[in-house]
N, C-alpha and C. Protein backbone atom coordinates (compact mmCIF):
# COMPACT_ATOMS: atom_id res chain seq x y z
N LEU A 1 -35.26 10.63 -6.55
CA LEU A 1 -34.62 9.53 -5.86
C LEU A 1 -34.29 8.40 -6.84
N PHE A 2 -35.20 8.16 -7.77
CA PHE A 2 -34.97 7.13 -8.78
C PHE A 2 -33.70 7.42 -9.58
N TYR A 3 -33.56 8.69 -9.99
CA TYR A 3 -32.39 9.07 -10.79
C TYR A 3 -31.11 8.94 -9.99
N LEU A 4 -31.18 9.27 -8.72
CA LEU A 4 -30.01 9.12 -7.86
C LEU A 4 -29.60 7.65 -7.76
N ALA A 5 -30.60 6.79 -7.62
CA ALA A 5 -30.32 5.35 -7.56
C ALA A 5 -29.70 4.87 -8.87
N MET A 6 -30.20 5.41 -9.98
CA MET A 6 -29.66 5.03 -11.29
C MET A 6 -28.19 5.45 -11.41
N LEU A 7 -27.87 6.63 -10.90
CA LEU A 7 -26.50 7.13 -10.98
C LEU A 7 -25.57 6.38 -10.03
N LEU A 8 -26.06 6.06 -8.85
CA LEU A 8 -25.22 5.43 -7.85
C LEU A 8 -25.13 3.92 -8.02
N GLY A 9 -26.00 3.33 -8.81
CA GLY A 9 -25.99 1.88 -9.01
C GLY A 9 -24.63 1.35 -9.43
N PRO A 10 -24.04 1.88 -10.52
CA PRO A 10 -22.72 1.39 -10.93
C PRO A 10 -21.65 1.62 -9.87
N LEU A 11 -21.76 2.72 -9.13
CA LEU A 11 -20.77 2.97 -8.07
C LEU A 11 -20.90 1.95 -6.96
N ALA A 12 -22.13 1.57 -6.64
CA ALA A 12 -22.34 0.57 -5.60
C ALA A 12 -21.75 -0.77 -6.03
N VAL A 13 -21.93 -1.13 -7.29
CA VAL A 13 -21.36 -2.38 -7.80
C VAL A 13 -19.84 -2.33 -7.74
N LEU A 14 -19.27 -1.19 -8.14
CA LEU A 14 -17.82 -1.03 -8.09
C LEU A 14 -17.31 -1.11 -6.66
N ALA A 15 -17.99 -0.45 -5.73
CA ALA A 15 -17.58 -0.49 -4.33
C ALA A 15 -17.66 -1.90 -3.78
N THR A 16 -18.71 -2.63 -4.14
CA THR A 16 -18.87 -4.01 -3.68
C THR A 16 -17.75 -4.87 -4.25
N SER A 17 -17.44 -4.70 -5.53
CA SER A 17 -16.36 -5.46 -6.15
C SER A 17 -15.03 -5.16 -5.48
N ALA A 18 -14.77 -3.88 -5.20
CA ALA A 18 -13.51 -3.49 -4.55
C ALA A 18 -13.43 -4.10 -3.15
N THR A 19 -14.54 -4.08 -2.43
CA THR A 19 -14.55 -4.65 -1.08
C THR A 19 -14.31 -6.15 -1.14
N GLN A 20 -14.95 -6.83 -2.07
CA GLN A 20 -14.74 -8.27 -2.22
C GLN A 20 -13.30 -8.57 -2.61
N PHE A 21 -12.74 -7.75 -3.49
CA PHE A 21 -11.35 -7.94 -3.91
C PHE A 21 -10.41 -7.78 -2.72
N GLN A 22 -10.62 -6.70 -1.94
CA GLN A 22 -9.77 -6.46 -0.78
C GLN A 22 -9.88 -7.58 0.23
N SER A 23 -11.10 -8.04 0.45
CA SER A 23 -11.32 -9.12 1.40
C SER A 23 -10.62 -10.40 0.93
N GLY A 24 -10.77 -10.71 -0.35
CA GLY A 24 -10.13 -11.90 -0.90
C GLY A 24 -8.62 -11.81 -0.84
N LEU A 25 -8.09 -10.65 -1.15
CA LEU A 25 -6.64 -10.45 -1.10
C LEU A 25 -6.13 -10.58 0.33
N ALA A 26 -6.86 -10.00 1.28
CA ALA A 26 -6.46 -10.10 2.68
C ALA A 26 -6.47 -11.55 3.16
N MET A 27 -7.48 -12.30 2.76
CA MET A 27 -7.57 -13.70 3.18
C MET A 27 -6.43 -14.53 2.58
N ALA A 28 -6.12 -14.27 1.32
CA ALA A 28 -5.03 -15.01 0.66
C ALA A 28 -3.69 -14.67 1.30
N THR A 29 -3.49 -13.38 1.59
CA THR A 29 -2.24 -12.95 2.22
C THR A 29 -2.09 -13.57 3.59
N GLN A 30 -3.17 -13.61 4.34
CA GLN A 30 -3.15 -14.21 5.67
C GLN A 30 -2.83 -15.70 5.57
N ALA A 31 -3.42 -16.38 4.60
CA ALA A 31 -3.18 -17.82 4.43
C ALA A 31 -1.71 -18.09 4.12
N VAL A 32 -1.11 -17.25 3.27
CA VAL A 32 0.31 -17.42 2.95
C VAL A 32 1.14 -17.21 4.20
N GLY A 33 0.81 -16.18 4.98
CA GLY A 33 1.55 -15.92 6.21
C GLY A 33 1.42 -17.05 7.22
N GLN A 34 0.25 -17.64 7.31
CA GLN A 34 0.02 -18.73 8.26
C GLN A 34 0.65 -20.04 7.81
N SER A 35 1.03 -20.12 6.54
CA SER A 35 1.63 -21.37 6.05
C SER A 35 2.99 -21.62 6.70
N GLY A 36 3.64 -20.54 7.13
CA GLY A 36 4.95 -20.69 7.75
C GLY A 36 6.08 -20.93 6.77
N ASP A 37 5.77 -20.97 5.49
CA ASP A 37 6.77 -21.22 4.45
C ASP A 37 7.40 -19.88 4.05
N GLU A 38 8.65 -19.67 4.46
CA GLU A 38 9.32 -18.40 4.20
C GLU A 38 9.52 -18.13 2.71
N GLU A 39 9.83 -19.17 1.95
CA GLU A 39 10.01 -18.99 0.51
C GLU A 39 8.69 -18.58 -0.16
N LEU A 40 7.61 -19.19 0.26
CA LEU A 40 6.29 -18.83 -0.25
C LEU A 40 5.95 -17.39 0.11
N GLY A 41 6.27 -16.99 1.33
CA GLY A 41 6.04 -15.61 1.77
C GLY A 41 6.83 -14.61 0.95
N ALA A 42 8.09 -14.95 0.65
CA ALA A 42 8.92 -14.06 -0.16
C ALA A 42 8.38 -13.94 -1.58
N ARG A 43 7.96 -15.07 -2.14
CA ARG A 43 7.38 -15.04 -3.49
C ARG A 43 6.09 -14.23 -3.51
N ALA A 44 5.26 -14.40 -2.48
CA ALA A 44 4.01 -13.65 -2.40
C ALA A 44 4.28 -12.15 -2.27
N ALA A 45 5.30 -11.79 -1.51
CA ALA A 45 5.66 -10.37 -1.35
C ALA A 45 6.08 -9.78 -2.70
N GLU A 46 6.82 -10.55 -3.49
CA GLU A 46 7.22 -10.08 -4.82
C GLU A 46 6.01 -9.88 -5.72
N VAL A 47 5.07 -10.82 -5.67
CA VAL A 47 3.86 -10.72 -6.49
C VAL A 47 3.05 -9.50 -6.08
N LEU A 48 2.88 -9.30 -4.78
CA LEU A 48 2.13 -8.15 -4.30
C LEU A 48 2.80 -6.84 -4.69
N ASP A 49 4.13 -6.79 -4.62
CA ASP A 49 4.85 -5.58 -4.99
C ASP A 49 4.68 -5.27 -6.48
N ARG A 50 4.84 -6.29 -7.32
CA ARG A 50 4.64 -6.10 -8.77
C ARG A 50 3.21 -5.67 -9.07
N THR A 51 2.26 -6.28 -8.39
CA THR A 51 0.85 -5.96 -8.62
C THR A 51 0.55 -4.53 -8.20
N ARG A 52 1.06 -4.11 -7.05
CA ARG A 52 0.86 -2.74 -6.58
C ARG A 52 1.40 -1.75 -7.59
N ARG A 53 2.60 -2.00 -8.08
CA ARG A 53 3.21 -1.10 -9.07
C ARG A 53 2.38 -1.04 -10.36
N GLU A 54 1.91 -2.20 -10.80
CA GLU A 54 1.12 -2.25 -12.03
C GLU A 54 -0.21 -1.52 -11.86
N LEU A 55 -0.84 -1.66 -10.71
CA LEU A 55 -2.10 -0.96 -10.46
C LEU A 55 -1.90 0.55 -10.49
N TYR A 56 -0.83 1.03 -9.86
CA TYR A 56 -0.55 2.47 -9.90
C TYR A 56 -0.22 2.93 -11.32
N ARG A 57 0.49 2.08 -12.08
CA ARG A 57 0.81 2.41 -13.47
C ARG A 57 -0.48 2.53 -14.29
N MET A 58 -1.40 1.58 -14.07
CA MET A 58 -2.68 1.62 -14.78
C MET A 58 -3.46 2.89 -14.42
N LEU A 59 -3.45 3.25 -13.15
CA LEU A 59 -4.14 4.46 -12.71
C LEU A 59 -3.53 5.70 -13.37
N ALA A 60 -2.21 5.78 -13.40
CA ALA A 60 -1.55 6.93 -14.01
C ALA A 60 -1.86 7.01 -15.51
N GLU A 61 -1.82 5.87 -16.20
CA GLU A 61 -2.12 5.86 -17.62
C GLU A 61 -3.57 6.26 -17.88
N SER A 62 -4.46 5.82 -17.01
CA SER A 62 -5.87 6.17 -17.14
C SER A 62 -6.07 7.67 -16.98
N GLU A 63 -5.37 8.27 -16.01
CA GLU A 63 -5.47 9.71 -15.80
C GLU A 63 -4.90 10.47 -16.99
N LEU A 64 -3.80 9.97 -17.56
CA LEU A 64 -3.22 10.63 -18.73
C LEU A 64 -4.17 10.55 -19.92
N ASP A 65 -4.78 9.36 -20.11
CA ASP A 65 -5.74 9.20 -21.21
C ASP A 65 -6.92 10.14 -21.03
N ARG A 66 -7.40 10.25 -19.79
CA ARG A 66 -8.53 11.14 -19.52
C ARG A 66 -8.13 12.59 -19.80
N ASP A 67 -6.94 12.99 -19.36
CA ASP A 67 -6.48 14.35 -19.60
C ASP A 67 -6.33 14.62 -21.09
N ASP A 68 -5.82 13.63 -21.84
CA ASP A 68 -5.69 13.80 -23.29
C ASP A 68 -7.06 13.97 -23.94
N ALA A 69 -8.03 13.20 -23.46
CA ALA A 69 -9.37 13.25 -24.05
C ALA A 69 -10.07 14.57 -23.75
N THR A 70 -9.80 15.13 -22.58
CA THR A 70 -10.48 16.37 -22.18
C THR A 70 -9.66 17.61 -22.47
N GLY A 71 -8.38 17.41 -22.82
CA GLY A 71 -7.51 18.55 -23.06
C GLY A 71 -7.03 19.21 -21.78
N ASP A 72 -7.23 18.54 -20.66
CA ASP A 72 -6.84 19.08 -19.36
C ASP A 72 -5.32 19.04 -19.23
N THR A 73 -4.73 20.18 -18.92
CA THR A 73 -3.28 20.24 -18.74
C THR A 73 -2.90 20.68 -17.35
N VAL A 74 -3.87 20.77 -16.45
CA VAL A 74 -3.58 21.17 -15.07
C VAL A 74 -2.71 20.12 -14.42
N GLY A 75 -1.62 20.56 -13.82
CA GLY A 75 -0.73 19.63 -13.13
C GLY A 75 0.24 18.92 -14.04
N THR A 76 0.24 19.23 -15.32
CA THR A 76 1.19 18.58 -16.22
C THR A 76 2.49 19.37 -16.23
N TRP A 77 3.54 18.73 -16.62
CA TRP A 77 4.84 19.36 -16.62
C TRP A 77 5.19 19.80 -18.03
N ASP A 78 5.65 21.01 -18.15
CA ASP A 78 6.07 21.56 -19.42
C ASP A 78 7.59 21.46 -19.47
N GLU A 79 8.14 20.87 -20.52
CA GLU A 79 9.58 20.67 -20.60
C GLU A 79 10.36 21.99 -20.58
N ASP A 80 9.70 23.10 -20.89
CA ASP A 80 10.37 24.40 -20.89
C ASP A 80 10.41 25.03 -19.51
N GLU A 81 9.77 24.43 -18.53
CA GLU A 81 9.75 24.99 -17.19
C GLU A 81 11.12 24.84 -16.54
N ASP A 82 11.51 25.87 -15.80
CA ASP A 82 12.80 25.86 -15.13
C ASP A 82 12.66 25.73 -13.62
N ASP A 83 11.47 25.43 -13.14
CA ASP A 83 11.25 25.33 -11.70
C ASP A 83 12.08 24.19 -11.13
N VAL A 84 12.70 24.46 -10.00
CA VAL A 84 13.49 23.45 -9.32
C VAL A 84 12.85 23.24 -7.95
N THR A 85 12.66 22.01 -7.61
CA THR A 85 12.06 21.67 -6.32
C THR A 85 13.00 20.74 -5.58
N ASP A 86 13.22 21.04 -4.30
CA ASP A 86 14.02 20.14 -3.49
C ASP A 86 13.21 18.89 -3.22
N GLY A 87 13.84 17.76 -3.31
CA GLY A 87 13.12 16.52 -3.05
C GLY A 87 14.07 15.35 -3.09
N GLU A 88 13.55 14.23 -2.79
CA GLU A 88 14.33 13.01 -2.77
C GLU A 88 13.91 12.12 -3.94
N ILE A 89 14.87 11.58 -4.64
CA ILE A 89 14.58 10.67 -5.74
C ILE A 89 14.55 9.27 -5.15
N ILE A 90 13.44 8.58 -5.38
CA ILE A 90 13.28 7.23 -4.88
C ILE A 90 13.22 6.28 -6.06
N ASP A 91 14.14 5.34 -6.10
CA ASP A 91 14.13 4.35 -7.17
C ASP A 91 12.98 3.40 -6.96
N ASP A 92 12.26 3.14 -8.04
CA ASP A 92 11.11 2.25 -7.96
C ASP A 92 11.45 0.91 -8.54
């Protein structure tokens, strides 16, 4: 049980930090919405959109770094592949 607590300790801290971050972000977003200032709301929406994109970019880069470090190539794309998949291109 002690070892389990030692392993889960950092995860608990991370989960607490994430919860506090989400709570703080929700409160700030609510405050901007309650201000009634449309220009402020538009600026906040732009900030949130940029932040969301940057967080996903950081996550993708972290996964690539991890794959490079471990040599994992599962799910990677090989430029020589000729597979074609139907899909929709969404501009980001």
